[in-house]
PDB file of N, CA and C in Angstrom:
ATOM      1  N   MET A   1     -54.606 -57.320  29.504  1.00  0.00           N
ATOM      2  CA  MET A   1     -54.369 -56.049  28.863  1.00  0.00           C
ATOM      3  C   MET A   1     -53.949 -55.058  29.938  1.00  0.00           C
ATOM      4  N   VAL A   2     -52.890 -54.363  29.692  1.00  0.00           N
ATOM      5  CA  VAL A   2     -52.423 -53.338  30.611  1.00  0.00           C
ATOM      6  C   VAL A   2     -52.742 -51.992  29.988  1.00  0.00           C
ATOM      7  N   SER A   3     -53.429 -51.155  30.728  1.00  0.00           N
ATOM      8  CA  SER A   3     -53.763 -49.833  30.193  1.00  0.00           C
ATOM      9  C   SER A   3     -52.972 -48.774  30.934  1.00  0.00           C
ATOM     10  N   CYS A   4     -52.553 -47.778  30.212  1.00  0.00           N
ATOM     11  CA  CYS A   4     -51.827 -46.658  30.814  1.00  0.00           C
ATOM     12  C   CYS A   4     -52.843 -45.752  31.506  1.00  0.00           C
ATOM     13  N   SER A   5     -52.414 -45.116  32.554  1.00  0.00           N
ATOM     14  CA  SER A   5     -53.342 -44.223  33.252  1.00  0.00           C
ATOM     15  C   SER A   5     -53.711 -43.060  32.352  1.00  0.00           C
ATOM     16  N   GLY A   6     -54.958 -42.693  32.389  1.00  0.00           N
ATOM     17  CA  GLY A   6     -55.437 -41.590  31.574  1.00  0.00           C
ATOM     18  C   GLY A   6     -55.855 -41.975  30.172  1.00  0.00           C
ATOM     19  N   ARG A   7     -55.631 -43.206  29.772  1.00  0.00           N
ATOM     20  CA  ARG A   7     -56.024 -43.650  28.433  1.00  0.00           C
ATOM     21  C   ARG A   7     -57.223 -44.569  28.529  1.00  0.00           C
ATOM     22  N   LYS A   8     -58.029 -44.544  27.502  1.00  0.00           N
ATOM     23  CA  LYS A   8     -59.197 -45.416  27.475  1.00  0.00           C
ATOM     24  C   LYS A   8     -58.781 -46.838  27.141  1.00  0.00           C
ATOM     25  N   SER A   9     -59.456 -47.786  27.740  1.00  0.00           N
ATOM     26  CA  SER A   9     -59.240 -49.186  27.418  1.00  0.00           C
ATOM     27  C   SER A   9     -59.740 -49.465  26.016  1.00  0.00           C
ATOM     28  N   LEU A  10     -59.219 -50.520  25.423  1.00  0.00           N
ATOM     29  CA  LEU A  10     -59.658 -50.927  24.095  1.00  0.00           C
ATOM     30  C   LEU A  10     -61.160 -51.158  24.074  1.00  0.00           C
ATOM     31  N   TYR A  11     -61.703 -51.731  25.155  1.00  0.00           N
ATOM     32  CA  TYR A  11     -63.128 -52.021  25.216  1.00  0.00           C
ATOM     33  C   TYR A  11     -63.979 -50.755  25.238  1.00  0.00           C
ATOM     34  N   GLN A  12     -63.448 -49.668  25.757  1.00  0.00           N
ATOM     35  CA  GLN A  12     -64.208 -48.428  25.821  1.00  0.00           C
ATOM     36  C   GLN A  12     -64.350 -47.796  24.443  1.00  0.00           C
ATOM     37  N   LYS A  13     -63.535 -48.194  23.492  1.00  0.00           N
ATOM     38  CA  LYS A  13     -63.574 -47.628  22.152  1.00  0.00           C
ATOM     39  C   LYS A  13     -64.458 -48.434  21.202  1.00  0.00           C
ATOM     40  N   LEU A  14     -64.858 -49.620  21.604  1.00  0.00           N
ATOM     41  CA  LEU A  14     -65.593 -50.525  20.722  1.00  0.00           C
ATOM     42  C   LEU A  14     -67.100 -50.409  20.878  1.00  0.00           C
ATOM     43  N   VAL A  15     -67.808 -50.468  19.781  1.00  0.00           N
ATOM     44  CA  VAL A  15     -69.244 -50.706  19.764  1.00  0.00           C
ATOM     45  C   VAL A  15     -69.430 -51.752  18.679  1.00  0.00           C
ATOM     46  N   THR A  16     -69.643 -52.986  19.089  1.00  0.00           N
ATOM     47  CA  THR A  16     -69.538 -54.088  18.144  1.00  0.00           C
ATOM     48  C   THR A  16     -70.864 -54.698  17.706  1.00  0.00           C
ATOM     49  N   ASN A  17     -71.872 -54.663  18.575  1.00  0.00           N
ATOM     50  CA  ASN A  17     -73.147 -55.330  18.303  1.00  0.00           C
ATOM     51  C   ASN A  17     -72.966 -56.822  18.041  1.00  0.00           C
ATOM     52  N   ARG A  18     -71.976 -57.432  18.697  1.00  0.00           N
ATOM     53  CA  ARG A  18     -71.725 -58.869  18.564  1.00  0.00           C
ATOM     54  C   ARG A  18     -71.863 -59.530  19.929  1.00  0.00           C
ATOM     55  N   PRO A  19     -72.201 -60.816  19.953  1.00  0.00           N
ATOM     56  CA  PRO A  19     -72.254 -61.528  21.237  1.00  0.00           C
ATOM     57  C   PRO A  19     -70.892 -61.507  21.920  1.00  0.00           C
ATOM     58  N   LEU A  20     -70.904 -61.599  23.233  1.00  0.00           N
ATOM     59  CA  LEU A  20     -69.681 -61.559  24.023  1.00  0.00           C
ATOM     60  C   LEU A  20     -69.549 -62.866  24.789  1.00  0.00           C
ATOM     61  N   CYS A  21     -68.399 -63.514  24.679  1.00  0.00           N
ATOM     62  CA  CYS A  21     -68.134 -64.780  25.358  1.00  0.00           C
ATOM     63  C   CYS A  21     -67.059 -64.547  26.414  1.00  0.00           C
ATOM     64  N   CYS A  22     -67.325 -64.974  27.653  1.00  0.00           N
ATOM     65  CA  CYS A  22     -66.338 -64.802  28.716  1.00  0.00           C
ATOM     66  C   CYS A  22     -66.326 -66.015  29.628  1.00  0.00           C
ATOM     67  N   TYR A  23     -65.302 -66.107  30.463  1.00  0.00           N
ATOM     68  CA  TYR A  23     -65.168 -67.243  31.376  1.00  0.00           C
ATOM     69  C   TYR A  23     -65.320 -66.773  32.810  1.00  0.00           C
ATOM     70  N   LEU A  24     -65.798 -67.682  33.663  1.00  0.00           N
ATOM     71  CA  LEU A  24     -66.004 -67.355  35.079  1.00  0.00           C
ATOM     72  C   LEU A  24     -64.845 -67.803  35.951  1.00  0.00           C
ATOM     73  N   ASP A  25     -64.057 -68.752  35.473  1.00  0.00           N
ATOM     74  CA  ASP A  25     -62.926 -69.273  36.227  1.00  0.00           C
ATOM     75  C   ASP A  25     -61.707 -69.257  35.312  1.00  0.00           C
ATOM     76  N   HIS A  26     -60.563 -68.826  35.816  1.00  0.00           N
ATOM     77  CA  HIS A  26     -59.370 -68.688  34.975  1.00  0.00           C
ATOM     78  C   HIS A  26     -58.982 -70.011  34.313  1.00  0.00           C
ATOM     79  N   ASP A  27     -59.293 -71.131  34.956  1.00  0.00           N
ATOM     80  CA  ASP A  27     -58.984 -72.442  34.375  1.00  0.00           C
ATOM     81  C   ASP A  27     -59.778 -72.706  33.100  1.00  0.00           C
ATOM     82  N   LEU A  28     -60.858 -71.997  32.886  1.00  0.00           N
ATOM     83  CA  LEU A  28     -61.722 -72.203  31.724  1.00  0.00           C
ATOM     84  C   LEU A  28     -61.467 -71.204  30.600  1.00  0.00           C
ATOM     85  N   CYS A  29     -60.380 -70.484  30.685  1.00  0.00           N
ATOM     86  CA  CYS A  29     -60.044 -69.500  29.659  1.00  0.00           C
ATOM     87  C   CYS A  29     -59.942 -70.162  28.285  1.00  0.00           C
ATOM     88  N   GLY A  30     -59.256 -71.289  28.205  1.00  0.00           N
ATOM     89  CA  GLY A  30     -59.106 -72.006  26.935  1.00  0.00           C
ATOM     90  C   GLY A  30     -60.421 -72.539  26.404  1.00  0.00           C
ATOM     91  N   VAL A  31     -61.289 -72.965  27.311  1.00  0.00           N
ATOM     92  CA  VAL A  31     -62.596 -73.484  26.897  1.00  0.00           C
ATOM     93  C   VAL A  31     -63.449 -72.371  26.293  1.00  0.00           C
ATOM     94  N   SER A  32     -63.427 -71.191  26.918  1.00  0.00           N
ATOM     95  CA  SER A  32     -64.213 -70.086  26.368  1.00  0.00           C
ATOM     96  C   SER A  32     -63.650 -69.628  25.026  1.00  0.00           C
ATOM     97  N   ALA A  33     -62.328 -69.693  24.860  1.00  0.00           N
ATOM     98  CA  ALA A  33     -61.726 -69.372  23.564  1.00  0.00           C
ATOM     99  C   ALA A  33     -62.166 -70.394  22.511  1.00  0.00           C
ATOM    100  N   ALA A  34     -62.261 -71.666  22.905  1.00  0.00           N
ATOM    101  CA  ALA A  34     -62.709 -72.702  21.979  1.00  0.00           C
ATOM    102  C   ALA A  34     -64.165 -72.486  21.581  1.00  0.00           C
ATOM    103  N   VAL A  35     -65.009 -72.082  22.529  1.00  0.00           N
ATOM    104  CA  VAL A  35     -66.420 -71.786  22.226  1.00  0.00           C
ATOM    105  C   VAL A  35     -66.506 -70.655  21.201  1.00  0.00           C
ATOM    106  N   ALA A  36     -65.747 -69.594  21.423  1.00  0.00           N
ATOM    107  CA  ALA A  36     -65.750 -68.469  20.488  1.00  0.00           C
ATOM    108  C   ALA A  36     -65.243 -68.897  19.117  1.00  0.00           C
ATOM    109  N   THR A  37     -64.210 -69.735  19.086  1.00  0.00           N
ATOM    110  CA  THR A  37     -63.656 -70.215  17.821  1.00  0.00           C
ATOM    111  C   THR A  37     -64.658 -71.073  17.062  1.00  0.00           C
ATOM    112  N   ILE A  38     -65.358 -71.955  17.757  1.00  0.00           N
ATOM    113  CA  ILE A  38     -66.359 -72.812  17.105  1.00  0.00           C
ATOM    114  C   ILE A  38     -67.479 -71.962  16.505  1.00  0.00           C
ATOM    115  N   LEU A  39     -67.930 -70.970  17.262  1.00  0.00           N
ATOM    116  CA  LEU A  39     -68.986 -70.096  16.740  1.00  0.00           C
ATOM    117  C   LEU A  39     -68.499 -69.299  15.532  1.00  0.00           C
ATOM    118  N   ARG A  40     -67.248 -68.861  15.570  1.00  0.00           N
ATOM    119  CA  ARG A  40     -66.697 -68.137  14.419  1.00  0.00           C
ATOM    120  C   ARG A  40     -66.583 -69.032  13.198  1.00  0.00           C
ATOM    121  N   GLU A  41     -66.201 -70.306  13.403  1.00  0.00           N
ATOM    122  CA  GLU A  41     -66.109 -71.250  12.293  1.00  0.00           C
ATOM    123  C   GLU A  41     -67.472 -71.505  11.662  1.00  0.00           C
ATOM    124  N   LYS A  42     -68.522 -71.348  12.447  1.00  0.00           N
ATOM    125  CA  LYS A  42     -69.880 -71.536  11.933  1.00  0.00           C
ATOM    126  C   LYS A  42     -70.445 -70.257  11.324  1.00  0.00           C
ATOM    127  N   GLY A  43     -69.597 -69.211  11.213  1.00  0.00           N
ATOM    128  CA  GLY A  43     -70.006 -68.000  10.527  1.00  0.00           C
ATOM    129  C   GLY A  43     -70.534 -66.876  11.401  1.00  0.00           C
ATOM    130  N   GLN A  44     -70.477 -67.032  12.714  1.00  0.00           N
ATOM    131  CA  GLN A  44     -70.957 -65.980  13.606  1.00  0.00           C
ATOM    132  C   GLN A  44     -69.798 -65.096  14.050  1.00  0.00           C
ATOM    133  N   SER A  45     -70.062 -63.837  14.225  1.00  0.00           N
ATOM    134  CA  SER A  45     -69.069 -62.914  14.781  1.00  0.00           C
ATOM    135  C   SER A  45     -69.243 -62.895  16.293  1.00  0.00           C
ATOM    136  N   VAL A  46     -68.164 -63.151  17.006  1.00  0.00           N
ATOM    137  CA  VAL A  46     -68.217 -63.233  18.468  1.00  0.00           C
ATOM    138  C   VAL A  46     -67.014 -62.501  19.048  1.00  0.00           C
ATOM    139  N   ASP A  47     -67.249 -61.696  20.076  1.00  0.00           N
ATOM    140  CA  ASP A  47     -66.152 -61.091  20.828  1.00  0.00           C
ATOM    141  C   ASP A  47     -65.826 -62.003  22.001  1.00  0.00           C
ATOM    142  N   TRP A  48     -64.538 -62.141  22.300  1.00  0.00           N
ATOM    143  CA  TRP A  48     -64.102 -63.016  23.383  1.00  0.00           C
ATOM    144  C   TRP A  48     -63.373 -62.193  24.431  1.00  0.00           C
ATOM    145  N   MET A  49     -63.794 -62.336  25.691  1.00  0.00           N
ATOM    146  CA  MET A  49     -63.140 -61.652  26.808  1.00  0.00           C
ATOM    147  C   MET A  49     -61.900 -62.442  27.197  1.00  0.00           C
ATOM    148  N   PHE A  50     -60.735 -61.832  27.055  1.00  0.00           N
ATOM    149  CA  PHE A  50     -59.496 -62.520  27.401  1.00  0.00           C
ATOM    150  C   PHE A  50     -58.952 -62.085  28.755  1.00  0.00           C
ATOM    151  N   GLU A  51     -59.699 -61.276  29.468  1.00  0.00           N
ATOM    152  CA  GLU A  51     -59.293 -60.819  30.799  1.00  0.00           C
ATOM    153  C   GLU A  51     -60.257 -61.383  31.839  1.00  0.00           C
ATOM    154  N   ASN A  52     -59.735 -61.661  33.011  1.00  0.00           N
ATOM    155  CA  ASN A  52     -60.573 -62.130  34.103  1.00  0.00           C
ATOM    156  C   ASN A  52     -61.039 -60.904  34.888  1.00  0.00           C
ATOM    157  N   LYS A  53     -62.266 -60.493  34.663  1.00  0.00           N
ATOM    158  CA  LYS A  53     -62.825 -59.295  35.293  1.00  0.00           C
ATOM    159  C   LYS A  53     -64.043 -59.685  36.129  1.00  0.00           C
ATOM    160  N   PRO A  54     -64.424 -58.842  37.099  1.00  0.00           N
ATOM    161  CA  PRO A  54     -65.639 -59.105  37.885  1.00  0.00           C
ATOM    162  C   PRO A  54     -66.881 -59.077  36.994  1.00  0.00           C
ATOM    163  N   LEU A  55     -67.915 -59.806  37.401  1.00  0.00           N
ATOM    164  CA  LEU A  55     -69.139 -59.898  36.603  1.00  0.00           C
ATOM    165  C   LEU A  55     -69.778 -58.541  36.353  1.00  0.00           C
ATOM    166  N   GLN A  56     -69.747 -57.663  37.337  1.00  0.00           N
ATOM    167  CA  GLN A  56     -70.334 -56.334  37.155  1.00  0.00           C
ATOM    168  C   GLN A  56     -69.643 -55.611  35.995  1.00  0.00           C
ATOM    169  N   TRP A  57     -68.329 -55.734  35.886  1.00  0.00           N
ATOM    170  CA  TRP A  57     -67.575 -55.112  34.804  1.00  0.00           C
ATOM    171  C   TRP A  57     -67.982 -55.708  33.461  1.00  0.00           C
ATOM    172  N   VAL A  58     -68.173 -57.040  33.431  1.00  0.00           N
ATOM    173  CA  VAL A  58     -68.551 -57.727  32.192  1.00  0.00           C
ATOM    174  C   VAL A  58     -69.931 -57.264  31.727  1.00  0.00           C
ATOM    175  N   PHE A  59     -70.884 -57.135  32.657  1.00  0.00           N
ATOM    176  CA  PHE A  59     -72.225 -56.674  32.286  1.00  0.00           C
ATOM    177  C   PHE A  59     -72.190 -55.236  31.769  1.00  0.00           C
ATOM    178  N   LYS A  60     -71.376 -54.391  32.396  1.00  0.00           N
ATOM    179  CA  LYS A  60     -71.263 -53.011  31.924  1.00  0.00           C
ATOM    180  C   LYS A  60     -70.620 -52.962  30.538  1.00  0.00           C
ATOM    181  N   LEU A  61     -69.627 -53.814  30.308  1.00  0.00           N
ATOM    182  CA  LEU A  61     -69.005 -53.881  28.984  1.00  0.00           C
ATOM    183  C   LEU A  61     -70.014 -54.317  27.932  1.00  0.00           C
ATOM    184  N   ALA A  62     -70.798 -55.349  28.248  1.00  0.00           N
ATOM    185  CA  ALA A  62     -71.807 -55.839  27.305  1.00  0.00           C
ATOM    186  C   ALA A  62     -72.799 -54.736  26.951  1.00  0.00           C
ATOM    187  N   ALA A  63     -73.183 -53.934  27.923  1.00  0.00           N
ATOM    188  CA  ALA A  63     -74.098 -52.823  27.653  1.00  0.00           C
ATOM    189  C   ALA A  63     -73.411 -51.753  26.817  1.00  0.00           C
ATOM    190  N   ARG A  64     -72.143 -51.496  27.109  1.00  0.00           N
ATOM    191  CA  ARG A  64     -71.408 -50.446  26.411  1.00  0.00           C
ATOM    192  C   ARG A  64     -71.175 -50.775  24.934  1.00  0.00           C
ATOM    193  N   VAL A  65     -70.911 -52.062  24.630  1.00  0.00           N
ATOM    194  CA  VAL A  65     -70.647 -52.455  23.237  1.00  0.00           C
ATOM    195  C   VAL A  65     -71.913 -52.956  22.536  1.00  0.00           C
ATOM    196  N   HIS A  66     -73.055 -52.876  23.234  1.00  0.00           N
ATOM    197  CA  HIS A  66     -74.356 -53.280  22.681  1.00  0.00           C
ATOM    198  C   HIS A  66     -74.365 -54.751  22.264  1.00  0.00           C
ATOM    199  N   ALA A  67     -73.825 -55.611  23.120  1.00  0.00           N
ATOM    200  CA  ALA A  67     -73.804 -57.049  22.834  1.00  0.00           C
ATOM    201  C   ALA A  67     -75.220 -57.613  22.951  1.00  0.00           C
ATOM    202  N   PRO A  68     -75.719 -58.280  21.906  1.00  0.00           N
ATOM    203  CA  PRO A  68     -77.070 -58.836  21.979  1.00  0.00           C
ATOM    204  C   PRO A  68     -77.164 -60.049  22.908  1.00  0.00           C
ATOM    205  N   ARG A  69     -76.045 -60.782  23.082  1.00  0.00           N
ATOM    206  CA  ARG A  69     -76.006 -61.944  23.962  1.00  0.00           C
ATOM    207  C   ARG A  69     -74.704 -61.951  24.742  1.00  0.00           C
ATOM    208  N   LEU A  70     -74.773 -62.524  25.926  1.00  0.00           N
ATOM    209  CA  LEU A  70     -73.604 -62.660  26.782  1.00  0.00           C
ATOM    210  C   LEU A  70     -73.484 -64.132  27.166  1.00  0.00           C
ATOM    211  N   MET A  71     -72.398 -64.778  26.778  1.00  0.00           N
ATOM    212  CA  MET A  71     -72.199 -66.201  27.051  1.00  0.00           C
ATOM    213  C   MET A  71     -71.156 -66.373  28.148  1.00  0.00           C
ATOM    214  N   PHE A  72     -71.514 -67.119  29.184  1.00  0.00           N
ATOM    215  CA  PHE A  72     -70.590 -67.404  30.277  1.00  0.00           C
ATOM    216  C   PHE A  72     -70.167 -68.862  30.198  1.00  0.00           C
ATOM    217  N   VAL A  73     -68.887 -69.107  30.324  1.00  0.00           N
ATOM    218  CA  VAL A  73     -68.368 -70.477  30.412  1.00  0.00           C
ATOM    219  C   VAL A  73     -67.956 -70.678  31.849  1.00  0.00           C
ATOM    220  N   GLY A  74     -68.598 -71.636  32.526  1.00  0.00           N
ATOM    221  CA  GLY A  74     -68.318 -71.890  33.930  1.00  0.00           C
ATOM    222  C   GLY A  74     -68.245 -73.371  34.202  1.00  0.00           C
ATOM    223  N   SER A  75     -67.718 -73.734  35.377  1.00  0.00           N
ATOM    224  CA  SER A  75     -67.570 -75.137  35.727  1.00  0.00           C
ATOM    225  C   SER A  75     -68.842 -75.731  36.324  1.00  0.00           C
ATOM    226  N   ALA A  76     -69.733 -74.889  36.828  1.00  0.00           N
ATOM    227  CA  ALA A  76     -70.992 -75.365  37.404  1.00  0.00           C
ATOM    228  C   ALA A  76     -72.103 -74.399  37.016  1.00  0.00           C
ATOM    229  N   GLU A  77     -73.319 -74.878  37.140  1.00  0.00           N
ATOM    230  CA  GLU A  77     -74.470 -74.040  36.775  1.00  0.00           C
ATOM    231  C   GLU A  77     -74.678 -72.913  37.747  1.00  0.00           C
TER     232      GLU A  77
END
């Protein structure tokens, strides 16, 4: 997502109260999208992070949108 200077990001406008799914490695972007899709097919509402951001940013986003859970998809524990 490219944001113009002086404008709020899409994430700054959202308060979703839904779990947030993100990936730790760019190679796992498709896997995290698949996790979000499977959860949605099972009837859960899930937000999916499609940007590769630092973990501190992800935690702040989760707090800002009141995400009850934060799911990380990574290659190792």
